[in-house]
C-alpha atoms as a PDB file:
ATOM      1  CA  MET A   1       0.000   0.000   0.000  1.00  0.00           C
ATOM      2  CA  LYS A   2       1.509   3.315  -1.132  1.00  0.00           C
ATOM      3  CA  VAL A   3       0.284   6.402   0.731  1.00  0.00           C
ATOM      4  CA  GLY A   4       1.529   9.956   0.232  1.00  0.00           C
ATOM      5  CA  ILE A   5       0.727  13.361   1.668  1.00  0.00           C
ATOM      6  CA  VAL A   6       1.247  16.818   0.136  1.00  0.00           C
ATOM      7  CA  ILE A   7       2.161  19.956   2.095  1.00  0.00           C
ATOM      8  CA  PRO A   8       2.229  23.224   0.086  1.00  0.00           C
ATOM      9  CA  TYR A   9       4.532  25.803   1.647  1.00  0.00           C
ATOM     10  CA  TYR A  10       5.020  29.501   1.082  1.00  0.00           C
ATOM     11  CA  GLU A  11       7.307  31.376   3.477  1.00  0.00           C
ATOM     12  CA  ASN A  12       5.645  34.740   3.980  1.00  0.00           C
ATOM     13  CA  SER A  13       6.449  35.271   7.668  1.00  0.00           C
ATOM     14  CA  LYS A  14       8.522  34.036  10.587  1.00  0.00           C
ATOM     15  CA  GLU A  15       5.316  32.553  12.007  1.00  0.00           C
ATOM     16  CA  ALA A  16       4.891  30.497   8.837  1.00  0.00           C
ATOM     17  CA  LYS A  17       8.449  29.181   9.130  1.00  0.00           C
ATOM     18  CA  ASP A  18       8.023  28.367  12.819  1.00  0.00           C
ATOM     19  CA  ARG A  19       4.810  26.437  12.208  1.00  0.00           C
ATOM     20  CA  MET A  20       6.286  24.532   9.288  1.00  0.00           C
ATOM     21  CA  GLU A  21       9.302  23.564  11.371  1.00  0.00           C
ATOM     22  CA  TRP A  22       6.981  22.355  14.133  1.00  0.00           C
ATOM     23  CA  LEU A  23       4.979  20.261  11.657  1.00  0.00           C
ATOM     24  CA  LEU A  24       8.065  18.722  10.017  1.00  0.00           C
ATOM     25  CA  ASP A  25       9.677  18.055  13.396  1.00  0.00           C
ATOM     26  CA  THR A  26       6.531  16.143  14.365  1.00  0.00           C
ATOM     27  CA  ILE A  27       6.688  14.133  11.147  1.00  0.00           C
ATOM     28  CA  GLU A  28      10.408  13.366  11.509  1.00  0.00           C
ATOM     29  CA  ARG A  29      10.021  12.376  15.156  1.00  0.00           C
ATOM     30  CA  ASN A  30       7.203   9.941  14.403  1.00  0.00           C
ATOM     31  CA  LYS A  31       8.364   7.802  11.508  1.00  0.00           C
ATOM     32  CA  SER A  32       5.617   6.268   9.390  1.00  0.00           C
ATOM     33  CA  ARG A  33       5.154   4.530   6.052  1.00  0.00           C
ATOM     34  CA  VAL A  34       3.488   7.611   4.576  1.00  0.00           C
ATOM     35  CA  LYS A  35       5.631   9.422   1.997  1.00  0.00           C
ATOM     36  CA  VAL A  36       5.675  13.144   2.802  1.00  0.00           C
ATOM     37  CA  LEU A  37       6.106  15.708   0.020  1.00  0.00           C
ATOM     38  CA  VAL A  38       6.625  19.428   0.658  1.00  0.00           C
ATOM     39  CA  VAL A  39       6.188  21.735  -2.325  1.00  0.00           C
ATOM     40  CA  ASP A  40       8.087  24.984  -1.697  1.00  0.00           C
ATOM     41  CA  ASP A  41       6.207  27.585  -3.713  1.00  0.00           C
ATOM     42  CA  GLY A  42       8.915  29.766  -5.175  1.00  0.00           C
ATOM     43  CA  ARG A  43      10.705  31.219  -2.186  1.00  0.00           C
ATOM     44  CA  SER A  44      13.576  28.684  -2.265  1.00  0.00           C
ATOM     45  CA  ALA A  45      13.352  27.839   1.433  1.00  0.00           C
ATOM     46  CA  LEU A  46      16.524  25.777   1.304  1.00  0.00           C
ATOM     47  CA  TRP A  47      16.413  25.094   5.053  1.00  0.00           C
ATOM     48  CA  LEU A  48      13.709  22.522   4.228  1.00  0.00           C
ATOM     49  CA  ASP A  49      16.387  20.269   2.741  1.00  0.00           C
ATOM     50  CA  ARG A  50      17.674  19.364   6.197  1.00  0.00           C
ATOM     51  CA  TYR A  51      14.625  17.124   6.649  1.00  0.00           C
ATOM     52  CA  LYS A  52      16.039  13.979   5.079  1.00  0.00           C
ATOM     53  CA  GLY A  53      12.911  11.923   5.656  1.00  0.00           C
ATOM     54  CA  VAL A  54      10.784  14.314   3.610  1.00  0.00           C
ATOM     55  CA  LYS A  55      10.760  14.816  -0.158  1.00  0.00           C
ATOM     56  CA  ILE A  56      11.161  18.503  -1.041  1.00  0.00           C
ATOM     57  CA  ILE A  57      10.309  20.046  -4.409  1.00  0.00           C
ATOM     58  CA  HIS A  58      11.335  23.688  -4.848  1.00  0.00           C
ATOM     59  CA  ASN A  59       8.775  24.908  -7.347  1.00  0.00           C
ATOM     60  CA  THR A  60       8.358  28.204  -9.177  1.00  0.00           C
ATOM     61  CA  HIS A  61       5.873  30.572  -7.540  1.00  0.00           C
ATOM     62  CA  LYS A  62       2.433  29.534  -8.779  1.00  0.00           C
ATOM     63  CA  GLY A  63       0.161  29.333  -5.744  1.00  0.00           C
ATOM     64  CA  VAL A  64      -1.359  26.746  -3.422  1.00  0.00           C
ATOM     65  CA  SER A  65      -3.483  24.950  -6.038  1.00  0.00           C
ATOM     66  CA  ALA A  66      -0.495  24.537  -8.348  1.00  0.00           C
ATOM     67  CA  SER A  67       1.543  23.204  -5.414  1.00  0.00           C
ATOM     68  CA  ARG A  68      -1.129  20.646  -4.574  1.00  0.00           C
ATOM     69  CA  ASN A  69      -1.303  19.679  -8.246  1.00  0.00           C
ATOM     70  CA  VAL A  70       2.457  19.069  -8.249  1.00  0.00           C
ATOM     71  CA  GLY A  71       1.809  16.679  -5.389  1.00  0.00           C
ATOM     72  CA  LEU A  72      -1.042  14.935  -7.190  1.00  0.00           C
ATOM     73  CA  GLU A  73       1.217  14.385 -10.183  1.00  0.00           C
ATOM     74  CA  TYR A  74       4.029  13.100  -7.957  1.00  0.00           C
ATOM     75  CA  PHE A  75       1.701  10.611  -6.240  1.00  0.00           C
ATOM     76  CA  LYS A  76      -0.345   9.621  -9.299  1.00  0.00           C
ATOM     77  CA  ASP A  77       0.769   5.980  -9.041  1.00  0.00           C
ATOM     78  CA  TYR A  78       0.078   5.739  -5.304  1.00  0.00           C
ATOM     79  CA  ASP A  79      -3.013   4.221  -3.686  1.00  0.00           C
ATOM     80  CA  TYR A  80      -3.920   7.181  -1.444  1.00  0.00           C
ATOM     81  CA  VAL A  81      -2.909  10.822  -1.257  1.00  0.00           C
ATOM     82  CA  GLY A  82      -3.588  13.233   1.591  1.00  0.00           C
ATOM     83  CA  PHE A  83      -3.139  16.942   2.212  1.00  0.00           C
ATOM     84  CA  LEU A  84      -1.922  19.107   5.076  1.00  0.00           C
ATOM     85  CA  ASP A  85      -1.550  22.860   5.397  1.00  0.00           C
ATOM     86  CA  ALA A  86       1.860  24.084   6.546  1.00  0.00           C
ATOM     87  CA  ASP A  87       0.441  26.286   9.306  1.00  0.00           C
ATOM     88  CA  ASP A  88      -1.594  23.562  11.004  1.00  0.00           C
ATOM     89  CA  SER A  89      -0.715  20.748  13.408  1.00  0.00           C
ATOM     90  CA  ILE A  90      -1.084  16.983  13.741  1.00  0.00           C
ATOM     91  CA  SER A  91      -0.955  14.513  16.609  1.00  0.00           C
ATOM     92  CA  ASP A  92       2.066  12.240  16.950  1.00  0.00           C
ATOM     93  CA  ASP A  93       0.051   9.235  15.772  1.00  0.00           C
ATOM     94  CA  TYR A  94      -1.642  11.028  12.853  1.00  0.00           C
ATOM     95  CA  LEU A  95       0.333   9.514   9.958  1.00  0.00           C
ATOM     96  CA  LYS A  96       0.533   6.022  11.474  1.00  0.00           C
ATOM     97  CA  GLU A  97      -3.223   5.960  12.093  1.00  0.00           C
ATOM     98  CA  ALA A  98      -3.876   7.296   8.600  1.00  0.00           C
ATOM     99  CA  TYR A  99      -1.722   4.583   7.045  1.00  0.00           C
ATOM    100  CA  LYS A 100      -3.540   1.835   8.965  1.00  0.00           C
ATOM    101  CA  GLU A 101      -6.891   3.069   7.682  1.00  0.00           C
ATOM    102  CA  CYS A 102      -5.645   3.494   4.107  1.00  0.00           C
ATOM    103  CA  LYS A 103      -4.193  -0.022   4.198  1.00  0.00           C
ATOM    104  CA  LYS A 104      -7.717  -1.433   4.529  1.00  0.00           C
ATOM    105  CA  ASN A 105      -8.339  -0.069   1.006  1.00  0.00           C
ATOM    106  CA  GLU A 106     -12.050   0.238   1.773  1.00  0.00           C
ATOM    107  CA  TYR A 107     -12.729   3.959   1.421  1.00  0.00           C
ATOM    108  CA  ASP A 108     -12.690   6.681  -1.227  1.00  0.00           C
ATOM    109  CA  ILE A 109     -12.046   9.427   1.332  1.00  0.00           C
ATOM    110  CA  ILE A 110     -10.682   9.089   4.858  1.00  0.00           C
ATOM    111  CA  ASP A 111     -11.092  11.868   7.422  1.00  0.00           C
ATOM    112  CA  CYS A 112      -9.772  12.238  10.975  1.00  0.00           C
ATOM    113  CA  ARG A 113     -10.498  13.794  14.344  1.00  0.00           C
ATOM    114  CA  TYR A 114     -10.568  17.521  13.767  1.00  0.00           C
ATOM    115  CA  ILE A 115      -9.923  20.368  16.201  1.00  0.00           C
ATOM    116  CA  GLN A 116     -10.642  24.019  15.473  1.00  0.00           C
ATOM    117  CA  SER A 117      -9.881  26.839  17.931  1.00  0.00           C
ATOM    118  CA  GLY A 118      -9.240  24.332  20.707  1.00  0.00           C
ATOM    119  CA  ILE A 119     -12.572  22.531  20.245  1.00  0.00           C
ATOM    120  CA  GLU A 120     -12.976  19.059  18.771  1.00  0.00           C
ATOM    121  CA  VAL A 121     -15.524  19.772  16.065  1.00  0.00           C
ATOM    122  CA  PHE A 122     -16.663  16.160  15.749  1.00  0.00           C
ATOM    123  CA  GLY A 123     -16.597  15.213  19.415  1.00  0.00           C
ATOM    124  CA  THR A 124     -20.021  13.669  20.005  1.00  0.00           C
ATOM    125  CA  ARG A 125     -21.448  10.484  18.589  1.00  0.00           C
ATOM    126  CA  LYS A 126     -24.138  12.423  16.701  1.00  0.00           C
ATOM    127  CA  GLU A 127     -21.534  14.723  15.168  1.00  0.00           C
ATOM    128  CA  ARG A 128     -19.326  11.753  14.260  1.00  0.00           C
ATOM    129  CA  GLU A 129     -22.257  10.138  12.433  1.00  0.00           C
ATOM    130  CA  TRP A 130     -22.745  13.417  10.573  1.00  0.00           C
ATOM    131  CA  GLN A 131     -19.022  13.502   9.777  1.00  0.00           C
ATOM    132  CA  LYS A 132     -19.163  10.034   8.242  1.00  0.00           C
ATOM    133  CA  ASN A 133     -21.852  11.193   5.845  1.00  0.00           C
ATOM    134  CA  CYS A 134     -20.495  14.497   4.595  1.00  0.00           C
ATOM    135  CA  VAL A 135     -17.404  16.071   3.083  1.00  0.00           C
ATOM    136  CA  ARG A 136     -16.309  18.941   5.302  1.00  0.00           C
ATOM    137  CA  ASN A 137     -14.926  22.145   3.848  1.00  0.00           C
ATOM    138  CA  GLY A 138     -11.386  21.785   2.550  1.00  0.00           C
ATOM    139  CA  VAL A 139      -9.009  18.888   2.052  1.00  0.00           C
ATOM    140  CA  ALA A 140      -6.438  19.403   4.839  1.00  0.00           C
ATOM    141  CA  GLY A 141      -6.274  16.386   7.123  1.00  0.00           C
ATOM    142  CA  CYS A 142      -8.028  14.111   4.603  1.00  0.00           C
ATOM    143  CA  PHE A 143      -6.788  11.251   2.419  1.00  0.00           C
ATOM    144  CA  PHE A 144      -8.278  10.425  -0.984  1.00  0.00           C
ATOM    145  CA  LYS A 145      -8.085   7.214  -2.978  1.00  0.00           C
ATOM    146  CA  VAL A 146      -6.083   8.111  -6.089  1.00  0.00           C
ATOM    147  CA  LYS A 147      -8.345   6.017  -8.336  1.00  0.00           C
ATOM    148  CA  THR A 148     -11.334   7.995  -7.067  1.00  0.00           C
ATOM    149  CA  ILE A 149      -9.605  11.288  -7.867  1.00  0.00           C
ATOM    150  CA  ASN A 150      -9.314   9.886 -11.396  1.00  0.00           C
ATOM    151  CA  GLY A 151      -6.939  12.552 -12.712  1.00  0.00           C
ATOM    152  CA  ALA A 152      -8.821  15.543 -11.259  1.00  0.00           C
ATOM    153  CA  ARG A 153      -6.763  18.572 -10.267  1.00  0.00           C
ATOM    154  CA  PHE A 154      -7.256  21.728  -8.185  1.00  0.00           C
ATOM    155  CA  ASP A 155      -8.509  24.775 -10.063  1.00  0.00           C
ATOM    156  CA  GLU A 156      -5.469  27.064 -10.261  1.00  0.00           C
ATOM    157  CA  ASN A 157      -7.618  30.031 -11.272  1.00  0.00           C
ATOM    158  CA  MET A 158      -9.575  30.144  -7.997  1.00  0.00           C
ATOM    159  CA  GLY A 159      -8.353  32.674  -5.427  1.00  0.00           C
ATOM    160  CA  ASN A 160      -9.848  30.800  -2.459  1.00  0.00           C
ATOM    161  CA  GLY A 161     -12.213  27.920  -1.745  1.00  0.00           C
ATOM    162  CA  GLU A 162     -10.417  25.740  -4.284  1.00  0.00           C
ATOM    163  CA  ASP A 163      -9.975  22.904  -1.785  1.00  0.00           C
ATOM    164  CA  THR A 164     -13.689  22.721  -0.973  1.00  0.00           C
ATOM    165  CA  GLU A 165     -14.530  22.857  -4.668  1.00  0.00           C
ATOM    166  CA  PHE A 166     -12.073  20.031  -5.363  1.00  0.00           C
ATOM    167  CA  ALA A 167     -13.392  17.785  -2.571  1.00  0.00           C
ATOM    168  CA  ARG A 168     -17.006  18.213  -3.612  1.00  0.00           C
ATOM    169  CA  ARG A 169     -16.185  17.689  -7.283  1.00  0.00           C
ATOM    170  CA  VAL A 170     -14.251  14.482  -6.601  1.00  0.00           C
ATOM    171  CA  ILE A 171     -16.344  12.905  -3.842  1.00  0.00           C
ATOM    172  CA  ASP A 172     -20.024  11.987  -4.191  1.00  0.00           C
ATOM    173  CA  LEU A 173     -21.071  10.342  -0.932  1.00  0.00           C
ATOM    174  CA  GLU A 174     -24.074   8.711  -2.587  1.00  0.00           C
ATOM    175  CA  LYS A 175     -21.630   6.396  -4.332  1.00  0.00           C
ATOM    176  CA  HIS A 176     -18.286   6.882  -2.559  1.00  0.00           C
ATOM    177  CA  LYS A 177     -17.408   5.445   0.852  1.00  0.00           C
ATOM    178  CA  LYS A 178     -16.006   7.568   3.655  1.00  0.00           C
ATOM    179  CA  GLY A 179     -13.963   6.346   6.612  1.00  0.00           C
ATOM    180  CA  THR A 180     -12.438   7.995   9.672  1.00  0.00           C
ATOM    181  CA  PHE A 181      -9.332   7.385  11.769  1.00  0.00           C
ATOM    182  CA  ASN A 182      -8.223   8.440  15.252  1.00  0.00           C
ATOM    183  CA  GLY A 183      -5.309  10.693  14.320  1.00  0.00           C
ATOM    184  CA  MET A 184      -5.805  14.335  15.241  1.00  0.00           C
ATOM    185  CA  TYR A 185      -5.624  17.260  12.833  1.00  0.00           C
ATOM    186  CA  VAL A 186      -5.526  20.715  14.433  1.00  0.00           C
ATOM    187  CA  TYR A 187      -6.790  23.572  12.308  1.00  0.00           C
ATOM    188  CA  ASN A 188      -5.096  26.683  13.694  1.00  0.00           C
ATOM    189  CA  TYR A 189      -7.626  29.175  12.403  1.00  0.00           C
ATOM    190  CA  GLY A 190      -6.888  32.641  13.744  1.00  0.00           C
ATOM    191  CA  VAL A 191      -3.471  31.758  15.161  1.00  0.00           C
ATOM    192  CA  ASN A 192      -1.368  32.945  12.228  1.00  0.00           C
ATOM    193  CA  PRO A 193      -2.842  36.140  10.726  1.00  0.00           C
ATOM    194  CA  LYS A 194      -0.889  35.500   7.517  1.00  0.00           C
ATOM    195  CA  SER A 195      -2.121  31.930   7.058  1.00  0.00           C
ATOM    196  CA  ILE A 196      -3.736  31.006   3.747  1.00  0.00           C
ATOM    197  CA  ILE A 197      -7.248  30.676   5.167  1.00  0.00           C
ATOM    198  CA  ILE A 198      -7.113  33.963   7.101  1.00  0.00           C
ATOM    199  CA  ARG A 199      -5.843  35.979   4.148  1.00  0.00           C
ATOM    200  CA  ALA A 200      -8.334  34.364   1.788  1.00  0.00           C
ATOM    201  CA  SER A 201     -11.199  35.176   4.169  1.00  0.00           C
ATOM    202  CA  ARG A 202     -10.134  38.833   3.976  1.00  0.00           C
ATOM    203  CA  ASN A 203     -10.006  38.691   0.174  1.00  0.00           C
ATOM    204  CA  GLU A 204      -6.272  39.409   0.271  1.00  0.00           C
ATOM    205  CA  ASP A 205      -3.774  38.206  -2.283  1.00  0.00           C
ATOM    206  CA  ILE A 206      -2.840  34.898  -0.668  1.00  0.00           C
ATOM    207  CA  TYR A 207       0.650  34.768  -2.156  1.00  0.00           C
ATOM    208  CA  GLU A 208       1.626  38.418  -2.211  1.00  0.00           C
END
């Protein structure tokens, strides 16, 4: 079973660098069978190369959708591909738990426990049942079966919301199966004022 995960990265602040280092330190400290790809979007953050357990591609500056598409091309022959945002966090067991669920090869999309602003969004049984039957906004924290993606790519012309559009275009829960795993994904909304989601919500140029 071949599982990969894509992390787009654009270094627009010290906070962004600090959060990316924290995320990669977590990944390096907790070895897993998931192949991790970081796509450096045009700023030539050469310090990334010190992470020997992570594949780094230094790409020309094209934006987050283009970076994710580089990852989709890189992992096109894999079984599953997931996505993380560079300014968010994961639990130590996140990648290992994700791999175990992907290895079952039962699901078209696999989601995880999800925390936003310190609150577990899907904490109750009722909410977990709802989670199993919907595609939440965005792709960060999720893994998709590559065959289900079927060559689809992120829309590089969209300024924001491209991840939600991609997920809803690719996944139809009337015919696709969704699973969940116990790894924790922490969405740090509001922590980094220069994060992609914050700047997009303000209609700012995300990659200026």
